[in-house]
Amino acid sequence: MHKILLVEDNELNRDMLSRRLQRHGFSVCCAVDGAEGVSMAATEMPDLILMDVALGAMDGWEATTLIKSNPATAAIPIIALTAHALASDRDKSVEVGCSDFDTKPVDLQRLLGKIRDCLDKPASVAIAV
């Protein structure tokens, strides 16, 4: 069973998405902000991270940069999640090391496809976004 770390500050989004992912066979652990996400990436060593971009004091891009700068967690694929579908958000996600990018509200089937793609790729291969 693959473990996913969901970094999401909105309780309703966190609850809904984690339950839906669990129904699809994933183990899910959750962080409520960027700092906790960085910490849990190292302690939980998930197979994949779903990173909300708008997290408050430490946004998802800063958290991703810290995760990618740590040799222990650098290979974990990260999918950025944001309510903004702007090209600049997509570009920034790639720049900080995200493997993929998806928009909210989450289309579960599309997101599951991206998750499977990331989990099936060797750690050094990023998905074109």
C-alpha atoms as a PDB file:
ATOM      1  CA  MET A   1       0.000   0.000   0.000  1.00  0.00           C
ATOM      2  CA  HIS A   2       1.432   3.374  -1.013  1.00  0.00           C
ATOM      3  CA  LYS A   3       1.591   6.121   1.602  1.00  0.00           C
ATOM      4  CA  ILE A   4       0.589   9.658   0.642  1.00  0.00           C
ATOM      5  CA  LEU A   5       1.313  12.738   2.727  1.00  0.00           C
ATOM      6  CA  LEU A   6      -1.432  15.314   2.193  1.00  0.00           C
ATOM      7  CA  VAL A   7      -0.357  18.837   3.155  1.00  0.00           C
ATOM      8  CA  GLU A   8      -3.579  20.860   3.300  1.00  0.00           C
ATOM      9  CA  ASP A   9      -4.625  23.620   5.717  1.00  0.00           C
ATOM     10  CA  ASN A  10      -8.352  23.454   4.966  1.00  0.00           C
ATOM     11  CA  GLU A  11      -9.907  20.853   7.263  1.00  0.00           C
ATOM     12  CA  LEU A  12     -12.817  20.041   4.950  1.00  0.00           C
ATOM     13  CA  ASN A  13     -10.531  19.571   1.933  1.00  0.00           C
ATOM     14  CA  ARG A  14      -8.116  17.488   4.008  1.00  0.00           C
ATOM     15  CA  ASP A  15     -10.877  15.236   5.332  1.00  0.00           C
ATOM     16  CA  MET A  16     -12.628  14.779   1.984  1.00  0.00           C
ATOM     17  CA  LEU A  17      -9.501  14.077  -0.041  1.00  0.00           C
ATOM     18  CA  SER A  18      -7.896  11.778   2.524  1.00  0.00           C
ATOM     19  CA  ARG A  19     -11.069   9.663   2.765  1.00  0.00           C
ATOM     20  CA  ARG A  20     -11.348   9.431  -1.018  1.00  0.00           C
ATOM     21  CA  LEU A  21      -7.703   8.405  -1.362  1.00  0.00           C
ATOM     22  CA  GLN A  22      -8.090   5.781   1.371  1.00  0.00           C
ATOM     23  CA  ARG A  23     -11.050   4.292  -0.509  1.00  0.00           C
ATOM     24  CA  HIS A  24      -8.713   3.901  -3.484  1.00  0.00           C
ATOM     25  CA  GLY A  25      -6.225   1.884  -1.436  1.00  0.00           C
ATOM     26  CA  PHE A  26      -3.773   4.525  -0.244  1.00  0.00           C
ATOM     27  CA  SER A  27      -2.547   5.060   3.277  1.00  0.00           C
ATOM     28  CA  VAL A  28      -2.843   8.797   4.010  1.00  0.00           C
ATOM     29  CA  CYS A  29      -1.175  10.941   6.643  1.00  0.00           C
ATOM     30  CA  CYS A  30      -1.929  14.641   6.886  1.00  0.00           C
ATOM     31  CA  ALA A  31      -0.089  17.840   7.717  1.00  0.00           C
ATOM     32  CA  VAL A  32      -1.949  21.083   8.372  1.00  0.00           C
ATOM     33  CA  ASP A  33       0.754  23.526   7.232  1.00  0.00           C
ATOM     34  CA  GLY A  34       4.026  23.770   5.356  1.00  0.00           C
ATOM     35  CA  ALA A  35       6.309  23.387   8.377  1.00  0.00           C
ATOM     36  CA  GLU A  36       4.496  20.252   9.521  1.00  0.00           C
ATOM     37  CA  GLY A  37       4.610  18.950   5.939  1.00  0.00           C
ATOM     38  CA  VAL A  38       8.398  19.347   5.810  1.00  0.00           C
ATOM     39  CA  SER A  39       8.760  17.595   9.170  1.00  0.00           C
ATOM     40  CA  MET A  40       6.377  14.765   8.288  1.00  0.00           C
ATOM     41  CA  ALA A  41       8.058  14.191   4.917  1.00  0.00           C
ATOM     42  CA  ALA A  42      11.197  13.227   6.858  1.00  0.00           C
ATOM     43  CA  THR A  43       9.508  11.230   9.619  1.00  0.00           C
ATOM     44  CA  GLU A  44       6.821   9.451   7.569  1.00  0.00           C
ATOM     45  CA  MET A  45       8.833   8.990   4.343  1.00  0.00           C
ATOM     46  CA  PRO A  46       5.714   8.850   2.157  1.00  0.00           C
ATOM     47  CA  ASP A  47       5.752   7.487  -1.376  1.00  0.00           C
ATOM     48  CA  LEU A  48       4.219  10.752  -2.638  1.00  0.00           C
ATOM     49  CA  ILE A  49       3.231  14.181  -1.311  1.00  0.00           C
ATOM     50  CA  LEU A  50       0.164  16.191  -2.300  1.00  0.00           C
ATOM     51  CA  MET A  51       1.126  19.782  -1.498  1.00  0.00           C
ATOM     52  CA  ASP A  52      -1.384  22.607  -1.259  1.00  0.00           C
ATOM     53  CA  VAL A  53       0.272  25.775  -2.518  1.00  0.00           C
ATOM     54  CA  ALA A  54      -1.565  28.358  -0.369  1.00  0.00           C
ATOM     55  CA  LEU A  55      -0.676  27.363   3.180  1.00  0.00           C
ATOM     56  CA  GLY A  56      -0.091  30.607   5.053  1.00  0.00           C
ATOM     57  CA  ALA A  57       3.217  31.376   6.799  1.00  0.00           C
ATOM     58  CA  MET A  58       5.162  28.786   4.790  1.00  0.00           C
ATOM     59  CA  ASP A  59       3.565  28.215   1.408  1.00  0.00           C
ATOM     60  CA  GLY A  60       3.676  24.942  -0.474  1.00  0.00           C
ATOM     61  CA  TRP A  61       6.477  26.100  -2.744  1.00  0.00           C
ATOM     62  CA  GLU A  62       8.740  26.936   0.186  1.00  0.00           C
ATOM     63  CA  ALA A  63       7.886  23.624   1.836  1.00  0.00           C
ATOM     64  CA  THR A  64       8.634  21.800  -1.428  1.00  0.00           C
ATOM     65  CA  THR A  65      11.980  23.580  -1.743  1.00  0.00           C
ATOM     66  CA  LEU A  66      12.928  22.444   1.770  1.00  0.00           C
ATOM     67  CA  ILE A  67      11.808  18.862   1.122  1.00  0.00           C
ATOM     68  CA  LYS A  68      13.750  18.747  -2.151  1.00  0.00           C
ATOM     69  CA  SER A  69      16.881  20.200  -0.496  1.00  0.00           C
ATOM     70  CA  ASN A  70      16.996  17.382   2.071  1.00  0.00           C
ATOM     71  CA  PRO A  71      18.828  14.347   0.615  1.00  0.00           C
ATOM     72  CA  ALA A  72      16.595  12.019   2.667  1.00  0.00           C
ATOM     73  CA  THR A  73      13.371  13.365   1.112  1.00  0.00           C
ATOM     74  CA  ALA A  74      14.543  14.813  -2.218  1.00  0.00           C
ATOM     75  CA  ALA A  75      13.349  11.830  -4.278  1.00  0.00           C
ATOM     76  CA  ILE A  76       9.761  11.897  -2.982  1.00  0.00           C
ATOM     77  CA  PRO A  77       7.485  13.011  -5.841  1.00  0.00           C
ATOM     78  CA  ILE A  78       5.346  16.044  -5.023  1.00  0.00           C
ATOM     79  CA  ILE A  79       2.143  17.082  -6.772  1.00  0.00           C
ATOM     80  CA  ALA A  80       1.229  20.727  -6.194  1.00  0.00           C
ATOM     81  CA  LEU A  81      -2.464  21.433  -5.590  1.00  0.00           C
ATOM     82  CA  THR A  82      -3.874  24.909  -6.089  1.00  0.00           C
ATOM     83  CA  ALA A  83      -7.122  26.691  -6.816  1.00  0.00           C
ATOM     84  CA  HIS A  84      -5.239  28.821  -9.369  1.00  0.00           C
ATOM     85  CA  ALA A  85      -4.746  27.386 -12.851  1.00  0.00           C
ATOM     86  CA  LEU A  86      -2.323  30.113 -13.905  1.00  0.00           C
ATOM     87  CA  ALA A  87       0.672  29.280 -16.087  1.00  0.00           C
ATOM     88  CA  SER A  88       2.871  31.112 -13.567  1.00  0.00           C
ATOM     89  CA  ASP A  89       1.723  28.739 -10.792  1.00  0.00           C
ATOM     90  CA  ARG A  90       2.471  25.748 -12.981  1.00  0.00           C
ATOM     91  CA  ASP A  91       5.912  27.179 -13.854  1.00  0.00           C
ATOM     92  CA  LYS A  92       6.699  27.917 -10.191  1.00  0.00           C
ATOM     93  CA  SER A  93       5.709  24.357  -9.239  1.00  0.00           C
ATOM     94  CA  VAL A  94       8.167  22.919 -11.754  1.00  0.00           C
ATOM     95  CA  GLU A  95      10.846  25.414 -10.691  1.00  0.00           C
ATOM     96  CA  VAL A  96      10.735  24.303  -7.027  1.00  0.00           C
ATOM     97  CA  GLY A  97      10.817  20.607  -7.922  1.00  0.00           C
ATOM     98  CA  CYS A  98       7.230  19.394  -8.094  1.00  0.00           C
ATOM     99  CA  SER A  99       6.688  16.344 -10.276  1.00  0.00           C
ATOM    100  CA  ASP A 100       3.244  17.498 -11.343  1.00  0.00           C
ATOM    101  CA  PHE A 101       0.546  20.099 -10.755  1.00  0.00           C
ATOM    102  CA  ASP A 102      -3.213  19.850 -10.358  1.00  0.00           C
ATOM    103  CA  THR A 103      -6.024  22.292  -9.722  1.00  0.00           C
ATOM    104  CA  LYS A 104      -8.793  22.474  -7.152  1.00  0.00           C
ATOM    105  CA  PRO A 105     -11.503  21.544  -6.924  1.00  0.00           C
ATOM    106  CA  VAL A 106      -9.901  18.160  -7.304  1.00  0.00           C
ATOM    107  CA  ASP A 107     -11.068  15.936 -10.140  1.00  0.00           C
ATOM    108  CA  LEU A 108     -10.336  12.651  -8.364  1.00  0.00           C
ATOM    109  CA  GLN A 109      -9.899  10.508 -11.477  1.00  0.00           C
ATOM    110  CA  ARG A 110      -7.470  12.999 -13.012  1.00  0.00           C
ATOM    111  CA  LEU A 111      -5.545  13.270  -9.735  1.00  0.00           C
ATOM    112  CA  LEU A 112      -5.427   9.475  -9.329  1.00  0.00           C
ATOM    113  CA  GLY A 113      -3.928   9.243 -12.819  1.00  0.00           C
ATOM    114  CA  LYS A 114      -1.242  11.765 -11.903  1.00  0.00           C
ATOM    115  CA  ILE A 115      -0.533   9.959  -8.628  1.00  0.00           C
ATOM    116  CA  ARG A 116      -0.145   6.625 -10.447  1.00  0.00           C
ATOM    117  CA  ASP A 117       2.102   8.237 -13.070  1.00  0.00           C
ATOM    118  CA  CYS A 118       4.360   9.681 -10.363  1.00  0.00           C
ATOM    119  CA  LEU A 119       4.501   6.411  -8.443  1.00  0.00           C
ATOM    120  CA  ASP A 120       5.329   4.462 -11.619  1.00  0.00           C
ATOM    121  CA  LYS A 121       8.211   6.745 -12.674  1.00  0.00           C
ATOM    122  CA  PRO A 122      11.786   6.314 -11.474  1.00  0.00           C
ATOM    123  CA  ALA A 123      12.578   8.912  -8.797  1.00  0.00           C
ATOM    124  CA  SER A 124      14.840  10.941 -11.073  1.00  0.00           C
ATOM    125  CA  VAL A 125      12.192  11.422 -13.782  1.00  0.00           C
ATOM    126  CA  ALA A 126       9.845  14.381 -13.512  1.00  0.00           C
ATOM    127  CA  ILE A 127       6.511  14.473 -15.300  1.00  0.00           C
ATOM    128  CA  ALA A 128       6.099  17.187 -17.889  1.00  0.00           C
ATOM    129  CA  VAL A 129       3.404  19.577 -16.733  1.00  0.00           C
END
